[in-house]
């Protein structure tokens, strides 16, 4: 069974940092585009960041640009999300996602991802 498991969420004060990790089991995603999305209570799932299979191309949502960094280490976990200068509006459940096609680019569209983790809660207090 293929699984993506996020970790690293928690409670942090505004201005603080967290690093999310996404681990895969059941198959490797080292040659697949990956992404992070988030969903706050009562809101739709929003795009956060994405990275191509090679790591050579990244893209960010406007609200996190300059504060968050997506990266990948295909020898360990598929993808990380370094979150700095956190704000209360960053509070949400953060989801890792993977595309099934090999050598795929990243994508800002949730429908382009075939695999999803269960999510990790990030709470930023003011």
N, C-alpha and C. Protein backbone atom coordinates (compact mmCIF):
# COMPACT_ATOMS: atom_id res chain seq x y z
N UNK A 1 0.84 -1.19 0.00
CA UNK A 1 0.00 0.00 0.00
C UNK A 1 0.88 1.25 0.00
N UNK A 2 0.60 2.16 -0.91
CA UNK A 2 1.37 3.38 -1.02
C UNK A 2 0.86 4.40 -0.01
N UNK A 3 1.80 4.98 0.74
CA UNK A 3 1.43 5.98 1.73
C UNK A 3 2.40 7.14 1.72
N UNK A 4 1.86 8.34 1.95
CA UNK A 4 2.65 9.52 2.23
C UNK A 4 2.33 9.92 3.66
N UNK A 5 3.37 10.18 4.44
CA UNK A 5 3.16 10.53 5.84
C UNK A 5 3.90 11.82 6.14
N UNK A 6 3.14 12.82 6.55
CA UNK A 6 3.73 14.11 6.91
C UNK A 6 4.11 14.11 8.38
N UNK A 7 5.12 14.89 8.71
CA UNK A 7 5.54 15.08 10.10
C UNK A 7 6.13 16.47 10.25
N UNK A 8 6.27 16.90 11.50
CA UNK A 8 6.92 18.18 11.78
C UNK A 8 5.96 19.31 12.12
N UNK A 9 4.67 19.04 12.07
CA UNK A 9 3.71 20.08 12.44
C UNK A 9 3.71 20.31 13.94
N UNK A 10 2.99 21.34 14.36
CA UNK A 10 2.91 21.63 15.78
C UNK A 10 2.44 23.04 16.03
N UNK A 11 2.64 23.47 17.26
CA UNK A 11 2.24 24.81 17.69
C UNK A 11 3.48 25.69 17.77
N UNK A 12 3.40 26.86 17.17
CA UNK A 12 4.53 27.78 17.17
C UNK A 12 4.01 29.20 17.28
N UNK A 13 4.81 30.08 17.85
CA UNK A 13 4.42 31.48 17.95
C UNK A 13 4.65 32.20 16.62
N UNK A 14 3.91 33.25 16.41
CA UNK A 14 4.10 34.06 15.20
C UNK A 14 5.56 34.51 15.10
N UNK A 15 6.09 34.42 13.90
CA UNK A 15 7.49 34.75 13.67
C UNK A 15 8.42 33.56 13.76
N UNK A 16 7.92 32.44 14.25
CA UNK A 16 8.72 31.24 14.40
C UNK A 16 8.83 30.43 13.13
N UNK A 17 9.47 29.28 13.25
CA UNK A 17 9.71 28.41 12.10
C UNK A 17 9.33 26.97 12.40
N UNK A 18 8.98 26.26 11.37
CA UNK A 18 8.76 24.82 11.42
C UNK A 18 9.27 24.21 10.12
N UNK A 19 9.65 22.93 10.20
CA UNK A 19 10.06 22.21 9.01
C UNK A 19 9.21 20.96 8.89
N UNK A 20 8.45 20.88 7.84
CA UNK A 20 7.62 19.71 7.57
C UNK A 20 8.39 18.72 6.70
N UNK A 21 8.17 17.45 6.95
CA UNK A 21 8.76 16.39 6.14
C UNK A 21 7.65 15.49 5.61
N UNK A 22 7.92 14.87 4.49
CA UNK A 22 6.96 13.94 3.89
C UNK A 22 7.71 12.67 3.54
N UNK A 23 7.34 11.58 4.17
CA UNK A 23 7.97 10.29 3.93
C UNK A 23 7.03 9.39 3.14
N UNK A 24 7.60 8.58 2.28
CA UNK A 24 6.80 7.68 1.45
C UNK A 24 7.09 6.23 1.80
N UNK A 25 6.07 5.42 1.69
CA UNK A 25 6.25 3.98 1.82
C UNK A 25 5.43 3.27 0.74
N UNK A 26 5.86 2.11 0.37
CA UNK A 26 5.15 1.35 -0.65
C UNK A 26 5.68 1.58 -2.05
N UNK A 27 6.29 2.71 -2.29
CA UNK A 27 6.94 3.00 -3.56
C UNK A 27 7.80 4.23 -3.37
N UNK A 28 8.65 4.47 -4.33
CA UNK A 28 9.48 5.66 -4.28
C UNK A 28 8.87 6.76 -5.15
N UNK A 29 9.07 8.01 -4.73
CA UNK A 29 8.61 9.15 -5.51
C UNK A 29 9.79 10.02 -5.92
N UNK A 30 10.96 9.44 -6.00
CA UNK A 30 12.15 10.21 -6.31
C UNK A 30 12.12 10.78 -7.73
N UNK A 31 11.29 10.25 -8.60
CA UNK A 31 11.19 10.76 -9.97
C UNK A 31 9.85 11.40 -10.27
N UNK A 32 9.20 11.92 -9.22
CA UNK A 32 7.84 12.46 -9.38
C UNK A 32 7.74 13.88 -8.85
N UNK A 33 6.92 14.68 -9.51
CA UNK A 33 6.61 15.99 -8.98
C UNK A 33 5.88 15.87 -7.65
N UNK A 34 6.20 16.78 -6.72
CA UNK A 34 5.62 16.75 -5.39
C UNK A 34 5.08 18.12 -5.05
N UNK A 35 4.16 18.16 -4.08
CA UNK A 35 3.61 19.44 -3.69
C UNK A 35 3.14 19.45 -2.25
N UNK A 36 2.97 20.65 -1.74
CA UNK A 36 2.37 20.87 -0.43
C UNK A 36 1.13 21.74 -0.61
N UNK A 37 0.08 21.36 0.08
CA UNK A 37 -1.17 22.11 0.10
C UNK A 37 -1.59 22.28 1.55
N UNK A 38 -2.51 23.19 1.79
CA UNK A 38 -3.00 23.38 3.16
C UNK A 38 -4.49 23.70 3.13
N UNK A 39 -5.13 23.36 4.24
CA UNK A 39 -6.56 23.61 4.36
C UNK A 39 -6.88 24.08 5.77
N UNK A 40 -7.41 25.28 5.86
CA UNK A 40 -7.85 25.83 7.13
C UNK A 40 -9.32 25.48 7.34
N UNK A 41 -9.80 25.48 8.58
CA UNK A 41 -11.19 25.13 8.85
C UNK A 41 -12.16 26.01 8.07
N UNK A 42 -13.09 25.36 7.39
CA UNK A 42 -14.10 26.09 6.64
C UNK A 42 -13.64 26.67 5.33
N UNK A 43 -12.41 26.35 4.92
CA UNK A 43 -11.87 26.90 3.67
C UNK A 43 -11.49 25.77 2.73
N UNK A 44 -11.27 26.16 1.47
CA UNK A 44 -10.85 25.17 0.47
C UNK A 44 -9.36 24.85 0.64
N UNK A 45 -8.95 23.73 0.04
CA UNK A 45 -7.54 23.37 0.07
C UNK A 45 -6.77 24.30 -0.86
N UNK A 46 -5.73 24.92 -0.33
CA UNK A 46 -4.95 25.90 -1.07
C UNK A 46 -3.57 25.37 -1.43
N UNK A 47 -3.09 25.81 -2.56
CA UNK A 47 -1.73 25.48 -2.98
C UNK A 47 -0.71 26.23 -2.13
N UNK A 48 0.34 25.53 -1.72
CA UNK A 48 1.42 26.16 -0.95
C UNK A 48 2.71 26.20 -1.76
N UNK A 49 3.17 25.01 -2.20
CA UNK A 49 4.44 24.95 -2.92
C UNK A 49 4.51 23.66 -3.70
N UNK A 50 5.32 23.67 -4.76
CA UNK A 50 5.52 22.46 -5.55
C UNK A 50 6.94 22.41 -6.07
N UNK A 51 7.40 21.19 -6.36
CA UNK A 51 8.76 20.99 -6.84
C UNK A 51 8.76 19.91 -7.91
N UNK A 52 9.56 20.10 -8.94
CA UNK A 52 9.64 19.12 -10.02
C UNK A 52 10.40 17.89 -9.57
N UNK A 53 10.36 16.84 -10.39
CA UNK A 53 10.99 15.58 -10.02
C UNK A 53 12.48 15.74 -9.79
N UNK A 54 13.11 16.64 -10.52
CA UNK A 54 14.57 16.83 -10.38
C UNK A 54 14.93 17.80 -9.27
N UNK A 55 13.94 18.55 -8.79
CA UNK A 55 14.22 19.60 -7.82
C UNK A 55 14.65 20.90 -8.46
N UNK A 56 14.73 20.92 -9.78
CA UNK A 56 15.24 22.10 -10.46
C UNK A 56 14.23 23.21 -10.65
N UNK A 57 12.98 22.92 -10.40
CA UNK A 57 11.93 23.92 -10.59
C UNK A 57 11.00 23.92 -9.40
N UNK A 58 10.74 25.10 -8.84
CA UNK A 58 9.82 25.22 -7.71
C UNK A 58 8.84 26.36 -7.98
N UNK A 59 7.74 26.32 -7.28
CA UNK A 59 6.73 27.37 -7.39
C UNK A 59 6.02 27.49 -6.06
N UNK A 60 5.59 28.73 -5.72
CA UNK A 60 5.00 28.98 -4.42
C UNK A 60 3.70 29.77 -4.55
N UNK A 61 2.81 29.56 -3.58
CA UNK A 61 1.65 30.40 -3.50
C UNK A 61 2.05 31.81 -3.09
N UNK A 62 1.26 32.78 -3.50
CA UNK A 62 1.62 34.17 -3.25
C UNK A 62 1.74 34.48 -1.76
N UNK A 63 0.93 33.85 -0.95
CA UNK A 63 0.91 34.16 0.48
C UNK A 63 2.13 33.62 1.23
N UNK A 64 2.86 32.70 0.63
CA UNK A 64 4.01 32.11 1.33
C UNK A 64 5.33 32.42 0.64
N UNK A 65 5.27 33.05 -0.51
CA UNK A 65 6.50 33.33 -1.27
C UNK A 65 7.45 34.18 -0.44
N UNK A 66 8.70 33.76 -0.40
CA UNK A 66 9.71 34.49 0.37
C UNK A 66 9.82 34.03 1.81
N UNK A 67 8.86 33.24 2.28
CA UNK A 67 8.89 32.76 3.66
C UNK A 67 9.05 31.24 3.72
N UNK A 68 8.50 30.53 2.77
CA UNK A 68 8.55 29.07 2.73
C UNK A 68 9.50 28.60 1.64
N UNK A 69 10.13 27.45 1.89
CA UNK A 69 11.01 26.85 0.90
C UNK A 69 10.74 25.36 0.80
N UNK A 70 10.47 24.91 -0.41
CA UNK A 70 10.29 23.48 -0.66
C UNK A 70 11.59 22.89 -1.19
N UNK A 71 11.91 21.69 -0.74
CA UNK A 71 13.12 21.03 -1.21
C UNK A 71 12.89 19.53 -1.17
N UNK A 72 13.81 18.81 -1.79
CA UNK A 72 13.67 17.36 -1.78
C UNK A 72 15.04 16.72 -1.64
N UNK A 73 15.03 15.56 -1.01
CA UNK A 73 16.23 14.74 -0.86
C UNK A 73 15.79 13.33 -1.19
N UNK A 74 15.97 12.96 -2.43
CA UNK A 74 15.43 11.68 -2.89
C UNK A 74 16.08 10.48 -2.23
N UNK A 75 17.18 10.69 -1.56
CA UNK A 75 17.82 9.57 -0.86
C UNK A 75 17.17 9.30 0.50
N UNK A 76 16.41 10.27 0.99
CA UNK A 76 15.78 10.10 2.31
C UNK A 76 14.26 10.28 2.17
N UNK A 77 13.76 11.37 2.60
CA UNK A 77 12.33 11.66 2.43
C UNK A 77 12.12 12.37 1.10
N UNK A 78 10.97 12.20 0.52
CA UNK A 78 10.75 12.82 -0.78
C UNK A 78 10.81 14.34 -0.78
N UNK A 79 10.20 14.97 0.24
CA UNK A 79 10.07 16.42 0.16
C UNK A 79 9.98 17.05 1.54
N UNK A 80 10.49 18.29 1.65
CA UNK A 80 10.44 19.07 2.87
C UNK A 80 9.77 20.40 2.58
N UNK A 81 9.26 21.01 3.64
CA UNK A 81 8.76 22.38 3.56
C UNK A 81 9.30 23.15 4.76
N UNK A 82 10.24 24.04 4.51
CA UNK A 82 10.77 24.91 5.56
C UNK A 82 9.90 26.15 5.62
N UNK A 83 9.33 26.40 6.78
CA UNK A 83 8.41 27.52 6.95
C UNK A 83 9.00 28.50 7.96
N UNK A 84 9.29 29.69 7.51
CA UNK A 84 9.85 30.74 8.35
C UNK A 84 8.88 31.91 8.46
N UNK A 85 9.12 32.74 9.44
CA UNK A 85 8.29 33.95 9.64
C UNK A 85 6.81 33.59 9.62
N UNK A 86 6.46 32.58 10.38
CA UNK A 86 5.08 32.09 10.36
C UNK A 86 4.12 33.13 10.91
N UNK A 87 2.92 33.13 10.34
CA UNK A 87 1.86 34.05 10.73
C UNK A 87 0.64 33.26 11.18
N UNK A 88 -0.21 33.87 11.99
CA UNK A 88 -1.43 33.15 12.42
C UNK A 88 -2.26 32.65 11.23
N UNK A 89 -2.25 33.36 10.14
CA UNK A 89 -3.04 32.94 8.97
C UNK A 89 -2.44 31.73 8.26
N UNK A 90 -1.25 31.29 8.69
CA UNK A 90 -0.68 30.06 8.16
C UNK A 90 -1.25 28.83 8.86
N UNK A 91 -2.05 29.03 9.89
CA UNK A 91 -2.64 27.93 10.61
C UNK A 91 -3.53 27.11 9.70
N UNK A 92 -3.26 25.80 9.62
CA UNK A 92 -4.00 24.92 8.72
C UNK A 92 -3.48 23.50 8.89
N UNK A 93 -4.17 22.57 8.27
CA UNK A 93 -3.63 21.22 8.09
C UNK A 93 -2.85 21.23 6.78
N UNK A 94 -1.62 20.77 6.84
CA UNK A 94 -0.74 20.77 5.68
C UNK A 94 -0.64 19.35 5.12
N UNK A 95 -0.83 19.26 3.80
CA UNK A 95 -0.85 17.98 3.11
C UNK A 95 0.30 17.88 2.12
N UNK A 96 0.93 16.73 2.10
CA UNK A 96 1.92 16.40 1.08
C UNK A 96 1.21 15.63 -0.04
N UNK A 97 1.62 15.87 -1.28
CA UNK A 97 1.00 15.20 -2.41
C UNK A 97 2.06 14.82 -3.43
N UNK A 98 1.79 13.74 -4.17
CA UNK A 98 2.73 13.26 -5.18
C UNK A 98 2.01 12.93 -6.48
N UNK A 99 2.67 13.20 -7.58
CA UNK A 99 2.13 12.85 -8.88
C UNK A 99 2.58 11.44 -9.25
N UNK A 100 1.79 10.76 -10.02
CA UNK A 100 2.10 9.36 -10.33
C UNK A 100 3.01 9.23 -11.56
N UNK A 101 3.01 10.21 -12.44
CA UNK A 101 3.79 10.09 -13.67
C UNK A 101 5.26 10.28 -13.38
N UNK A 102 6.12 9.42 -13.93
CA UNK A 102 7.56 9.59 -13.75
C UNK A 102 8.06 10.83 -14.49
N UNK A 103 9.06 11.45 -13.90
CA UNK A 103 9.69 12.65 -14.48
C UNK A 103 8.67 13.77 -14.66
N UNK A 104 7.76 13.87 -13.71
CA UNK A 104 6.71 14.88 -13.79
C UNK A 104 7.19 16.19 -13.19
N UNK A 105 6.62 17.28 -13.70
CA UNK A 105 6.87 18.59 -13.13
C UNK A 105 6.02 18.76 -11.88
N UNK A 106 6.24 19.87 -11.20
CA UNK A 106 5.35 20.20 -10.11
C UNK A 106 4.05 20.74 -10.67
N UNK A 107 3.06 20.92 -9.81
CA UNK A 107 1.78 21.47 -10.25
C UNK A 107 1.12 22.22 -9.10
N UNK A 108 0.38 23.28 -9.44
CA UNK A 108 -0.35 24.06 -8.46
C UNK A 108 -1.79 23.55 -8.33
N UNK A 109 -2.15 22.56 -9.11
CA UNK A 109 -3.52 22.07 -9.18
C UNK A 109 -3.67 20.78 -8.38
N UNK A 110 -4.51 20.76 -7.36
CA UNK A 110 -4.66 19.54 -6.55
C UNK A 110 -5.06 18.32 -7.38
N UNK A 111 -5.88 18.51 -8.40
CA UNK A 111 -6.35 17.40 -9.22
C UNK A 111 -5.26 16.69 -9.99
N UNK A 112 -4.07 17.29 -10.07
CA UNK A 112 -2.96 16.67 -10.79
C UNK A 112 -2.14 15.72 -9.93
N UNK A 113 -2.55 15.57 -8.68
CA UNK A 113 -1.84 14.69 -7.75
C UNK A 113 -2.69 13.45 -7.46
N UNK A 114 -2.06 12.31 -7.53
CA UNK A 114 -2.77 11.05 -7.33
C UNK A 114 -2.60 10.49 -5.92
N UNK A 115 -1.58 10.95 -5.21
CA UNK A 115 -1.31 10.44 -3.87
C UNK A 115 -1.29 11.59 -2.87
N UNK A 116 -1.91 11.36 -1.72
CA UNK A 116 -2.01 12.37 -0.68
C UNK A 116 -1.72 11.77 0.68
N UNK A 117 -1.07 12.57 1.53
CA UNK A 117 -0.89 12.17 2.91
C UNK A 117 -2.14 12.52 3.72
N UNK A 118 -2.09 12.16 4.99
CA UNK A 118 -3.22 12.40 5.89
C UNK A 118 -3.19 13.81 6.47
N UNK A 119 -2.08 14.48 6.35
CA UNK A 119 -1.99 15.85 6.83
C UNK A 119 -1.36 15.97 8.20
N UNK A 120 -0.76 17.13 8.45
CA UNK A 120 -0.19 17.46 9.75
C UNK A 120 -0.65 18.86 10.13
N UNK A 121 -1.04 19.02 11.38
CA UNK A 121 -1.59 20.30 11.83
C UNK A 121 -0.47 21.28 12.16
N UNK A 122 -0.61 22.48 11.63
CA UNK A 122 0.28 23.59 11.98
C UNK A 122 -0.58 24.69 12.58
N UNK A 123 -0.23 25.09 13.79
CA UNK A 123 -0.97 26.14 14.47
C UNK A 123 0.01 27.25 14.86
N UNK A 124 -0.30 28.46 14.44
CA UNK A 124 0.56 29.61 14.73
C UNK A 124 -0.22 30.56 15.63
N UNK A 125 0.31 30.79 16.82
CA UNK A 125 -0.36 31.66 17.78
C UNK A 125 0.17 33.08 17.65
N UNK A 126 -0.70 34.02 17.93
CA UNK A 126 -0.32 35.44 17.81
C UNK A 126 0.27 35.97 19.11
